[in-house]
Amino acid sequence: MLVAAAAHSPASTALPRRRRRAAAPPSRKTPESQALRSILHSRVIACLRAQDGETAMQAARAAVRGGVSVLEIVMSTPGALEVIGDLRRSYPSLTFGM
């Protein structure tokens, strides 16, 4: 969602506003371009923070069962890198990051 504040200026000097187009995803099949395509397709990134790695894994699995396909594990979660690794092995077709 794009939110813009209107500038107060005389109507004669105001230029019509153009809508910005969303950047087209890269066409190459790099991991970065695949992640971008997943994000653009899902339009939702769930951000997860937990007090420990086990709780993070349980919450992430629940999110995936609920239909989330792009999930960020916040780095302040203890064991975040291990959680991401486990999730990538368990759900290779989904997108996980930090």
PDB file of N, CA and C in Angstrom:
ATOM      1  N   MET A   1       0.847  -1.159   0.000  1.00  0.00           N
ATOM      2  CA  MET A   1       0.000   0.000   0.000  1.00  0.00           C
ATOM      3  C   MET A   1       0.891   1.219   0.000  1.00  0.00           C
ATOM      4  N   LEU A   2       0.630   2.160  -0.871  1.00  0.00           N
ATOM      5  CA  LEU A   2       1.416   3.372  -0.999  1.00  0.00           C
ATOM      6  C   LEU A   2       0.631   4.514  -0.385  1.00  0.00           C
ATOM      7  N   VAL A   3       1.264   5.246   0.519  1.00  0.00           N
ATOM      8  CA  VAL A   3       0.617   6.383   1.160  1.00  0.00           C
ATOM      9  C   VAL A   3       1.444   7.613   0.829  1.00  0.00           C
ATOM     10  N   ALA A   4       0.808   8.626   0.323  1.00  0.00           N
ATOM     11  CA  ALA A   4       1.511   9.855  -0.027  1.00  0.00           C
ATOM     12  C   ALA A   4       0.723  11.041   0.511  1.00  0.00           C
ATOM     13  N   ALA A   5       1.444  12.013   1.024  1.00  0.00           N
ATOM     14  CA  ALA A   5       0.799  13.230   1.513  1.00  0.00           C
ATOM     15  C   ALA A   5       0.728  14.216   0.363  1.00  0.00           C
ATOM     16  N   ALA A   6      -0.399  14.865   0.214  1.00  0.00           N
ATOM     17  CA  ALA A   6      -0.567  15.849  -0.848  1.00  0.00           C
ATOM     18  C   ALA A   6       0.110  17.150  -0.445  1.00  0.00           C
ATOM     19  N   ALA A   7       0.834  17.724  -1.378  1.00  0.00           N
ATOM     20  CA  ALA A   7       1.483  19.010  -1.127  1.00  0.00           C
ATOM     21  C   ALA A   7       0.471  20.121  -1.368  1.00  0.00           C
ATOM     22  N   HIS A   8       0.525  21.144  -0.542  1.00  0.00           N
ATOM     23  CA  HIS A   8      -0.380  22.284  -0.709  1.00  0.00           C
ATOM     24  C   HIS A   8       0.271  23.284  -1.656  1.00  0.00           C
ATOM     25  N   SER A   9      -0.254  23.343  -2.869  1.00  0.00           N
ATOM     26  CA  SER A   9       0.264  24.281  -3.849  1.00  0.00           C
ATOM     27  C   SER A   9      -0.884  24.703  -4.749  1.00  0.00           C
ATOM     28  N   PRO A  10      -0.750  25.835  -5.406  1.00  0.00           N
ATOM     29  CA  PRO A  10      -1.817  26.274  -6.312  1.00  0.00           C
ATOM     30  C   PRO A  10      -2.059  25.244  -7.399  1.00  0.00           C
ATOM     31  N   ALA A  11      -3.308  25.093  -7.772  1.00  0.00           N
ATOM     32  CA  ALA A  11      -3.677  24.080  -8.765  1.00  0.00           C
ATOM     33  C   ALA A  11      -2.990  24.318 -10.101  1.00  0.00           C
ATOM     34  N   SER A  12      -2.696  25.570 -10.438  1.00  0.00           N
ATOM     35  CA  SER A  12      -2.092  25.852 -11.741  1.00  0.00           C
ATOM     36  C   SER A  12      -0.654  25.363 -11.823  1.00  0.00           C
ATOM     37  N   THR A  13       0.044  25.227 -10.688  1.00  0.00           N
ATOM     38  CA  THR A  13       1.435  24.789 -10.733  1.00  0.00           C
ATOM     39  C   THR A  13       1.585  23.320 -10.369  1.00  0.00           C
ATOM     40  N   ALA A  14       0.524  22.704  -9.910  1.00  0.00           N
ATOM     41  CA  ALA A  14       0.617  21.304  -9.497  1.00  0.00           C
ATOM     42  C   ALA A  14       0.670  20.404 -10.726  1.00  0.00           C
ATOM     43  N   LEU A  15       1.594  19.477 -10.719  1.00  0.00           N
ATOM     44  CA  LEU A  15       1.709  18.507 -11.800  1.00  0.00           C
ATOM     45  C   LEU A  15       0.919  17.265 -11.418  1.00  0.00           C
ATOM     46  N   PRO A  16       0.339  16.600 -12.396  1.00  0.00           N
ATOM     47  CA  PRO A  16      -0.372  15.365 -12.067  1.00  0.00           C
ATOM     48  C   PRO A  16       0.607  14.325 -11.527  1.00  0.00           C
ATOM     49  N   ARG A  17       0.169  13.600 -10.530  1.00  0.00           N
ATOM     50  CA  ARG A  17       1.034  12.574  -9.935  1.00  0.00           C
ATOM     51  C   ARG A  17       0.961  11.302 -10.770  1.00  0.00           C
ATOM     52  N   ARG A  18       2.112  10.703 -10.954  1.00  0.00           N
ATOM     53  CA  ARG A  18       2.173   9.436 -11.663  1.00  0.00           C
ATOM     54  C   ARG A  18       2.292   8.307 -10.657  1.00  0.00           C
ATOM     55  N   ARG A  19       1.661   7.223 -10.944  1.00  0.00           N
ATOM     56  CA  ARG A  19       1.805   6.043 -10.101  1.00  0.00           C
ATOM     57  C   ARG A  19       3.101   5.343 -10.473  1.00  0.00           C
ATOM     58  N   ARG A  20       3.824   4.931  -9.465  1.00  0.00           N
ATOM     59  CA  ARG A  20       5.058   4.185  -9.722  1.00  0.00           C
ATOM     60  C   ARG A  20       4.702   2.739  -9.984  1.00  0.00           C
ATOM     61  N   ARG A  21       5.320   2.187 -10.965  1.00  0.00           N
ATOM     62  CA  ARG A  21       5.118   0.774 -11.254  1.00  0.00           C
ATOM     63  C   ARG A  21       6.028  -0.053 -10.360  1.00  0.00           C
ATOM     64  N   ALA A  22       5.533  -1.181  -9.964  1.00  0.00           N
ATOM     65  CA  ALA A  22       6.374  -2.107  -9.191  1.00  0.00           C
ATOM     66  C   ALA A  22       7.477  -2.628 -10.098  1.00  0.00           C
ATOM     67  N   ALA A  23       8.650  -2.770  -9.533  1.00  0.00           N
ATOM     68  CA  ALA A  23       9.774  -3.278 -10.312  1.00  0.00           C
ATOM     69  C   ALA A  23       9.479  -4.704 -10.758  1.00  0.00           C
ATOM     70  N   ALA A  24       9.782  -4.983 -11.994  1.00  0.00           N
ATOM     71  CA  ALA A  24       9.590  -6.335 -12.505  1.00  0.00           C
ATOM     72  C   ALA A  24      10.645  -7.246 -11.884  1.00  0.00           C
ATOM     73  N   PRO A  25      10.266  -8.444 -11.488  1.00  0.00           N
ATOM     74  CA  PRO A  25      11.251  -9.341 -10.900  1.00  0.00           C
ATOM     75  C   PRO A  25      12.306  -9.729 -11.930  1.00  0.00           C
ATOM     76  N   PRO A  26      13.522  -9.942 -11.493  1.00  0.00           N
ATOM     77  CA  PRO A  26      14.579 -10.335 -12.428  1.00  0.00           C
ATOM     78  C   PRO A  26      14.207 -11.630 -13.139  1.00  0.00           C
ATOM     79  N   SER A  27      14.668 -11.776 -14.363  1.00  0.00           N
ATOM     80  CA  SER A  27      14.301 -12.952 -15.143  1.00  0.00           C
ATOM     81  C   SER A  27      15.263 -14.116 -14.922  1.00  0.00           C
ATOM     82  N   ARG A  28      16.460 -13.852 -14.396  1.00  0.00           N
ATOM     83  CA  ARG A  28      17.406 -14.935 -14.161  1.00  0.00           C
ATOM     84  C   ARG A  28      16.942 -15.789 -12.993  1.00  0.00           C
ATOM     85  N   LYS A  29      17.376 -17.026 -12.960  1.00  0.00           N
ATOM     86  CA  LYS A  29      16.964 -17.969 -11.912  1.00  0.00           C
ATOM     87  C   LYS A  29      17.998 -18.016 -10.791  1.00  0.00           C
ATOM     88  N   THR A  30      18.333 -16.881 -10.204  1.00  0.00           N
ATOM     89  CA  THR A  30      19.231 -16.845  -9.060  1.00  0.00           C
ATOM     90  C   THR A  30      18.401 -17.039  -7.792  1.00  0.00           C
ATOM     91  N   PRO A  31      19.031 -17.453  -6.697  1.00  0.00           N
ATOM     92  CA  PRO A  31      18.265 -17.574  -5.445  1.00  0.00           C
ATOM     93  C   PRO A  31      17.598 -16.257  -5.048  1.00  0.00           C
ATOM     94  N   GLU A  32      18.279 -15.136  -5.304  1.00  0.00           N
ATOM     95  CA  GLU A  32      17.704 -13.836  -4.959  1.00  0.00           C
ATOM     96  C   GLU A  32      16.467 -13.542  -5.795  1.00  0.00           C
ATOM     97  N   SER A  33      16.520 -13.849  -7.089  1.00  0.00           N
ATOM     98  CA  SER A  33      15.360 -13.571  -7.939  1.00  0.00           C
ATOM     99  C   SER A  33      14.199 -14.497  -7.598  1.00  0.00           C
ATOM    100  N   GLN A  34      14.501 -15.734  -7.227  1.00  0.00           N
ATOM    101  CA  GLN A  34      13.434 -16.649  -6.823  1.00  0.00           C
ATOM    102  C   GLN A  34      12.785 -16.169  -5.532  1.00  0.00           C
ATOM    103  N   ALA A  35      13.590 -15.669  -4.579  1.00  0.00           N
ATOM    104  CA  ALA A  35      13.046 -15.142  -3.329  1.00  0.00           C
ATOM    105  C   ALA A  35      12.166 -13.928  -3.608  1.00  0.00           C
ATOM    106  N   LEU A  36      12.619 -13.040  -4.478  1.00  0.00           N
ATOM    107  CA  LEU A  36      11.833 -11.857  -4.815  1.00  0.00           C
ATOM    108  C   LEU A  36      10.510 -12.251  -5.463  1.00  0.00           C
ATOM    109  N   ARG A  37      10.550 -13.217  -6.359  1.00  0.00           N
ATOM    110  CA  ARG A  37       9.311 -13.684  -6.993  1.00  0.00           C
ATOM    111  C   ARG A  37       8.359 -14.268  -5.950  1.00  0.00           C
ATOM    112  N   SER A  38       8.899 -15.017  -4.989  1.00  0.00           N
ATOM    113  CA  SER A  38       8.058 -15.595  -3.927  1.00  0.00           C
ATOM    114  C   SER A  38       7.409 -14.499  -3.096  1.00  0.00           C
ATOM    115  N   ILE A  39       8.196 -13.478  -2.753  1.00  0.00           N
ATOM    116  CA  ILE A  39       7.674 -12.370  -1.951  1.00  0.00           C
ATOM    117  C   ILE A  39       6.594 -11.617  -2.708  1.00  0.00           C
ATOM    118  N   LEU A  40       6.843 -11.302  -3.966  1.00  0.00           N
ATOM    119  CA  LEU A  40       5.856 -10.579  -4.761  1.00  0.00           C
ATOM    120  C   LEU A  40       4.589 -11.397  -4.961  1.00  0.00           C
ATOM    121  N   HIS A  41       4.751 -12.700  -5.104  1.00  0.00           N
ATOM    122  CA  HIS A  41       3.590 -13.565  -5.302  1.00  0.00           C
ATOM    123  C   HIS A  41       2.757 -13.676  -4.022  1.00  0.00           C
ATOM    124  N   SER A  42       3.419 -13.847  -2.875  1.00  0.00           N
ATOM    125  CA  SER A  42       2.674 -14.038  -1.626  1.00  0.00           C
ATOM    126  C   SER A  42       2.114 -12.731  -1.091  1.00  0.00           C
ATOM    127  N   ARG A  43       2.826 -11.640  -1.311  1.00  0.00           N
ATOM    128  CA  ARG A  43       2.453 -10.304  -0.855  1.00  0.00           C
ATOM    129  C   ARG A  43       2.424 -10.177   0.657  1.00  0.00           C
ATOM    130  N   VAL A  44       2.886 -11.210   1.369  1.00  0.00           N
ATOM    131  CA  VAL A  44       2.937 -11.192   2.830  1.00  0.00           C
ATOM    132  C   VAL A  44       4.263 -11.795   3.272  1.00  0.00           C
ATOM    133  N   ILE A  45       4.926 -11.141   4.204  1.00  0.00           N
ATOM    134  CA  ILE A  45       6.108 -11.708   4.843  1.00  0.00           C
ATOM    135  C   ILE A  45       5.800 -11.770   6.335  1.00  0.00           C
ATOM    136  N   ALA A  46       5.749 -12.969   6.862  1.00  0.00           N
ATOM    137  CA  ALA A  46       5.530 -13.132   8.298  1.00  0.00           C
ATOM    138  C   ALA A  46       6.882 -12.996   8.999  1.00  0.00           C
ATOM    139  N   CYS A  47       6.949 -12.157  10.023  1.00  0.00           N
ATOM    140  CA  CYS A  47       8.176 -11.970  10.803  1.00  0.00           C
ATOM    141  C   CYS A  47       7.974 -12.634  12.153  1.00  0.00           C
ATOM    142  N   LEU A  48       8.901 -13.518  12.508  1.00  0.00           N
ATOM    143  CA  LEU A  48       8.749 -14.312  13.713  1.00  0.00           C
ATOM    144  C   LEU A  48       9.905 -14.037  14.661  1.00  0.00           C
ATOM    145  N   ARG A  49       9.577 -13.745  15.901  1.00  0.00           N
ATOM    146  CA  ARG A  49      10.570 -13.592  16.959  1.00  0.00           C
ATOM    147  C   ARG A  49      10.116 -14.453  18.127  1.00  0.00           C
ATOM    148  N   ALA A  50      11.040 -15.219  18.693  1.00  0.00           N
ATOM    149  CA  ALA A  50      10.691 -16.104  19.804  1.00  0.00           C
ATOM    150  C   ALA A  50      11.795 -16.054  20.853  1.00  0.00           C
ATOM    151  N   GLN A  51      11.481 -16.583  22.036  1.00  0.00           N
ATOM    152  CA  GLN A  51      12.452 -16.570  23.130  1.00  0.00           C
ATOM    153  C   GLN A  51      13.505 -17.654  22.987  1.00  0.00           C
ATOM    154  N   ASP A  52      13.221 -18.687  22.194  1.00  0.00           N
ATOM    155  CA  ASP A  52      14.204 -19.757  21.990  1.00  0.00           C
ATOM    156  C   ASP A  52      13.941 -20.427  20.648  1.00  0.00           C
ATOM    157  N   GLY A  53      14.899 -21.221  20.207  1.00  0.00           N
ATOM    158  CA  GLY A  53      14.805 -21.869  18.904  1.00  0.00           C
ATOM    159  C   GLY A  53      13.660 -22.854  18.784  1.00  0.00           C
ATOM    160  N   GLU A  54      13.388 -23.618  19.833  1.00  0.00           N
ATOM    161  CA  GLU A  54      12.300 -24.595  19.784  1.00  0.00           C
ATOM    162  C   GLU A  54      10.948 -23.911  19.608  1.00  0.00           C
ATOM    163  N   THR A  55      10.730 -22.834  20.347  1.00  0.00           N
ATOM    164  CA  THR A  55       9.477 -22.081  20.202  1.00  0.00           C
ATOM    165  C   THR A  55       9.381 -21.485  18.800  1.00  0.00           C
ATOM    166  N   ALA A  56      10.502 -21.010  18.274  1.00  0.00           N
ATOM    167  CA  ALA A  56      10.526 -20.455  16.916  1.00  0.00           C
ATOM    168  C   ALA A  56      10.152 -21.520  15.890  1.00  0.00           C
ATOM    169  N   MET A  57      10.682 -22.743  16.054  1.00  0.00           N
ATOM    170  CA  MET A  57      10.354 -23.825  15.119  1.00  0.00           C
ATOM    171  C   MET A  57       8.872 -24.166  15.191  1.00  0.00           C
ATOM    172  N   GLN A  58       8.332 -24.251  16.394  1.00  0.00           N
ATOM    173  CA  GLN A  58       6.910 -24.573  16.538  1.00  0.00           C
ATOM    174  C   GLN A  58       6.039 -23.488  15.900  1.00  0.00           C
ATOM    175  N   ALA A  59       6.380 -22.233  16.131  1.00  0.00           N
ATOM    176  CA  ALA A  59       5.604 -21.127  15.560  1.00  0.00           C
ATOM    177  C   ALA A  59       5.732 -21.099  14.039  1.00  0.00           C
ATOM    178  N   ALA A  60       6.937 -21.356  13.532  1.00  0.00           N
ATOM    179  CA  ALA A  60       7.150 -21.354  12.083  1.00  0.00           C
ATOM    180  C   ALA A  60       6.354 -22.476  11.424  1.00  0.00           C
ATOM    181  N   ARG A  61       6.379 -23.650  12.022  1.00  0.00           N
ATOM    182  CA  ARG A  61       5.598 -24.763  11.460  1.00  0.00           C
ATOM    183  C   ARG A  61       4.100 -24.446  11.466  1.00  0.00           C
ATOM    184  N   ALA A  62       3.633 -23.812  12.527  1.00  0.00           N
ATOM    185  CA  ALA A  62       2.218 -23.420  12.588  1.00  0.00           C
ATOM    186  C   ALA A  62       1.900 -22.398  11.500  1.00  0.00           C
ATOM    187  N   ALA A  63       2.817 -21.449  11.278  1.00  0.00           N
ATOM    188  CA  ALA A  63       2.605 -20.441  10.230  1.00  0.00           C
ATOM    189  C   ALA A  63       2.538 -21.098   8.857  1.00  0.00           C
ATOM    190  N   VAL A  64       3.425 -22.053   8.608  1.00  0.00           N
ATOM    191  CA  VAL A  64       3.427 -22.760   7.320  1.00  0.00           C
ATOM    192  C   VAL A  64       2.134 -23.550   7.157  1.00  0.00           C
ATOM    193  N   ARG A  65       1.708 -24.241   8.211  1.00  0.00           N
ATOM    194  CA  ARG A  65       0.436 -24.975   8.133  1.00  0.00           C
ATOM    195  C   ARG A  65      -0.727 -24.019   7.868  1.00  0.00           C
ATOM    196  N   GLY A  66      -0.609 -22.781   8.340  1.00  0.00           N
ATOM    197  CA  GLY A  66      -1.650 -21.780   8.127  1.00  0.00           C
ATOM    198  C   GLY A  66      -1.595 -21.116   6.770  1.00  0.00           C
ATOM    199  N   GLY A  67      -0.610 -21.464   5.944  1.00  0.00           N
ATOM    200  CA  GLY A  67      -0.552 -20.937   4.579  1.00  0.00           C
ATOM    201  C   GLY A  67       0.520 -19.908   4.314  1.00  0.00           C
ATOM    202  N   VAL A  68       1.348 -19.578   5.303  1.00  0.00           N
ATOM    203  CA  VAL A  68       2.425 -18.611   5.080  1.00  0.00           C
ATOM    204  C   VAL A  68       3.511 -19.276   4.234  1.00  0.00           C
ATOM    205  N   SER A  69       3.931 -18.610   3.163  1.00  0.00           N
ATOM    206  CA  SER A  69       4.960 -19.182   2.288  1.00  0.00           C
ATOM    207  C   SER A  69       6.269 -18.398   2.323  1.00  0.00           C
ATOM    208  N   VAL A  70       6.273 -17.219   2.949  1.00  0.00           N
ATOM    209  CA  VAL A  70       7.484 -16.408   3.104  1.00  0.00           C
ATOM    210  C   VAL A  70       7.577 -16.024   4.573  1.00  0.00           C
ATOM    211  N   LEU A  71       8.676 -16.409   5.219  1.00  0.00           N
ATOM    212  CA  LEU A  71       8.804 -16.233   6.657  1.00  0.00           C
ATOM    213  C   LEU A  71      10.195 -15.703   7.001  1.00  0.00           C
ATOM    214  N   GLU A  72      10.220 -14.659   7.805  1.00  0.00           N
ATOM    215  CA  GLU A  72      11.482 -14.102   8.306  1.00  0.00           C
ATOM    216  C   GLU A  72      11.620 -14.501   9.769  1.00  0.00           C
ATOM    217  N   ILE A  73      12.783 -15.032  10.124  1.00  0.00           N
ATOM    218  CA  ILE A  73      13.105 -15.305  11.522  1.00  0.00           C
ATOM    219  C   ILE A  73      14.000 -14.160  11.980  1.00  0.00           C
ATOM    220  N   VAL A  74      13.548 -13.392  12.954  1.00  0.00           N
ATOM    221  CA  VAL A  74      14.279 -12.220  13.425  1.00  0.00           C
ATOM    222  C   VAL A  74      15.560 -12.685  14.115  1.00  0.00           C
ATOM    223  N   MET A  75      16.680 -12.005  13.822  1.00  0.00           N
ATOM    224  CA  MET A  75      17.979 -12.435  14.335  1.00  0.00           C
ATOM    225  C   MET A  75      18.097 -12.350  15.854  1.00  0.00           C
ATOM    226  N   SER A  76      17.209 -11.635  16.528  1.00  0.00           N
ATOM    227  CA  SER A  76      17.257 -11.607  17.987  1.00  0.00           C
ATOM    228  C   SER A  76      16.691 -12.899  18.591  1.00  0.00           C
ATOM    229  N   THR A  77      16.171 -13.778  17.759  1.00  0.00           N
ATOM    230  CA  THR A  77      15.713 -15.091  18.214  1.00  0.00           C
ATOM    231  C   THR A  77      16.934 -15.979  18.415  1.00  0.00           C
ATOM    232  N   PRO A  78      17.138 -16.518  19.619  1.00  0.00           N
ATOM    233  CA  PRO A  78      18.282 -17.416  19.828  1.00  0.00           C
ATOM    234  C   PRO A  78      18.206 -18.610  18.876  1.00  0.00           C
ATOM    235  N   GLY A  79      19.327 -18.911  18.208  1.00  0.00           N
ATOM    236  CA  GLY A  79      19.376 -20.031  17.278  1.00  0.00           C
ATOM    237  C   GLY A  79      18.685 -19.763  15.959  1.00  0.00           C
ATOM    238  N   ALA A  80      18.542 -18.491  15.579  1.00  0.00           N
ATOM    239  CA  ALA A  80      17.805 -18.136  14.361  1.00  0.00           C
ATOM    240  C   ALA A  80      18.372 -18.818  13.119  1.00  0.00           C
ATOM    241  N   LEU A  81      19.682 -18.864  12.993  1.00  0.00           N
ATOM    242  CA  LEU A  81      20.290 -19.477  11.801  1.00  0.00           C
ATOM    243  C   LEU A  81      19.996 -20.976  11.737  1.00  0.00           C
ATOM    244  N   GLU A  82      20.032 -21.645  12.873  1.00  0.00           N
ATOM    245  CA  GLU A  82      19.722 -23.071  12.905  1.00  0.00           C
ATOM    246  C   GLU A  82      18.248 -23.310  12.559  1.00  0.00           C
ATOM    247  N   VAL A  83      17.385 -22.440  13.056  1.00  0.00           N
ATOM    248  CA  VAL A  83      15.953 -22.558  12.751  1.00  0.00           C
ATOM    249  C   VAL A  83      15.730 -22.402  11.251  1.00  0.00           C
ATOM    250  N   ILE A  84      16.365 -21.400  10.649  1.00  0.00           N
ATOM    251  CA  ILE A  84      16.215 -21.186   9.210  1.00  0.00           C
ATOM    252  C   ILE A  84      16.727 -22.392   8.437  1.00  0.00           C
ATOM    253  N   GLY A  85      17.862 -22.933   8.843  1.00  0.00           N
ATOM    254  CA  GLY A  85      18.402 -24.122   8.178  1.00  0.00           C
ATOM    255  C   GLY A  85      17.450 -25.303   8.267  1.00  0.00           C
ATOM    256  N   ASP A  86      16.901 -25.528   9.459  1.00  0.00           N
ATOM    257  CA  ASP A  86      15.942 -26.633   9.632  1.00  0.00           C
ATOM    258  C   ASP A  86      14.697 -26.414   8.780  1.00  0.00           C
ATOM    259  N   LEU A  87      14.202 -25.181   8.741  1.00  0.00           N
ATOM    260  CA  LEU A  87      13.014 -24.889   7.938  1.00  0.00           C
ATOM    261  C   LEU A  87      13.289 -25.095   6.451  1.00  0.00           C
ATOM    262  N   ARG A  88      14.453 -24.688   5.997  1.00  0.00           N
ATOM    263  CA  ARG A  88      14.787 -24.858   4.571  1.00  0.00           C
ATOM    264  C   ARG A  88      14.854 -26.331   4.192  1.00  0.00           C
ATOM    265  N   ARG A  89      15.373 -27.156   5.106  1.00  0.00           N
ATOM    266  CA  ARG A  89      15.425 -28.593   4.831  1.00  0.00           C
ATOM    267  C   ARG A  89      14.023 -29.208   4.867  1.00  0.00           C
ATOM    268  N   SER A  90      13.192 -28.761   5.791  1.00  0.00           N
ATOM    269  CA  SER A  90      11.841 -29.316   5.924  1.00  0.00           C
ATOM    270  C   SER A  90      10.879 -28.843   4.838  1.00  0.00           C
ATOM    271  N   TYR A  91      11.051 -27.600   4.383  1.00  0.00           N
ATOM    272  CA  TYR A  91      10.137 -26.993   3.402  1.00  0.00           C
ATOM    273  C   TYR A  91      10.952 -26.325   2.286  1.00  0.00           C
ATOM    274  N   PRO A  92      11.578 -27.116   1.415  1.00  0.00           N
ATOM    275  CA  PRO A  92      12.476 -26.532   0.406  1.00  0.00           C
ATOM    276  C   PRO A  92      11.796 -25.620  -0.621  1.00  0.00           C
ATOM    277  N   SER A  93      10.488 -25.732  -0.779  1.00  0.00           N
ATOM    278  CA  SER A  93       9.807 -24.904  -1.789  1.00  0.00           C
ATOM    279  C   SER A  93       9.368 -23.558  -1.239  1.00  0.00           C
ATOM    280  N   LEU A  94       9.514 -23.335   0.067  1.00  0.00           N
ATOM    281  CA  LEU A  94       9.104 -22.064   0.672  1.00  0.00           C
ATOM    282  C   LEU A  94      10.304 -21.158   0.847  1.00  0.00           C
ATOM    283  N   THR A  95      10.049 -19.892   1.207  1.00  0.00           N
ATOM    284  CA  THR A  95      11.106 -18.883   1.322  1.00  0.00           C
ATOM    285  C   THR A  95      11.267 -18.480   2.781  1.00  0.00           C
ATOM    286  N   PHE A  96      12.502 -18.630   3.279  1.00  0.00           N
ATOM    287  CA  PHE A  96      12.838 -18.275   4.658  1.00  0.00           C
ATOM    288  C   PHE A  96      14.033 -17.366   4.647  1.00  0.00           C
ATOM    289  N   GLY A  97      14.071 -16.421   5.576  1.00  0.00           N
ATOM    290  CA  GLY A  97      15.206 -15.512   5.643  1.00  0.00           C
ATOM    291  C   GLY A  97      15.316 -14.876   7.011  1.00  0.00           C
ATOM    292  N   MET A  98      16.276 -13.959   7.103  1.00  0.00           N
ATOM    293  CA  MET A  98      16.506 -13.257   8.360  1.00  0.00           C
ATOM    294  C   MET A  98      16.601 -11.781   8.108  1.00  0.00           C
TER     295      MET A  98
END
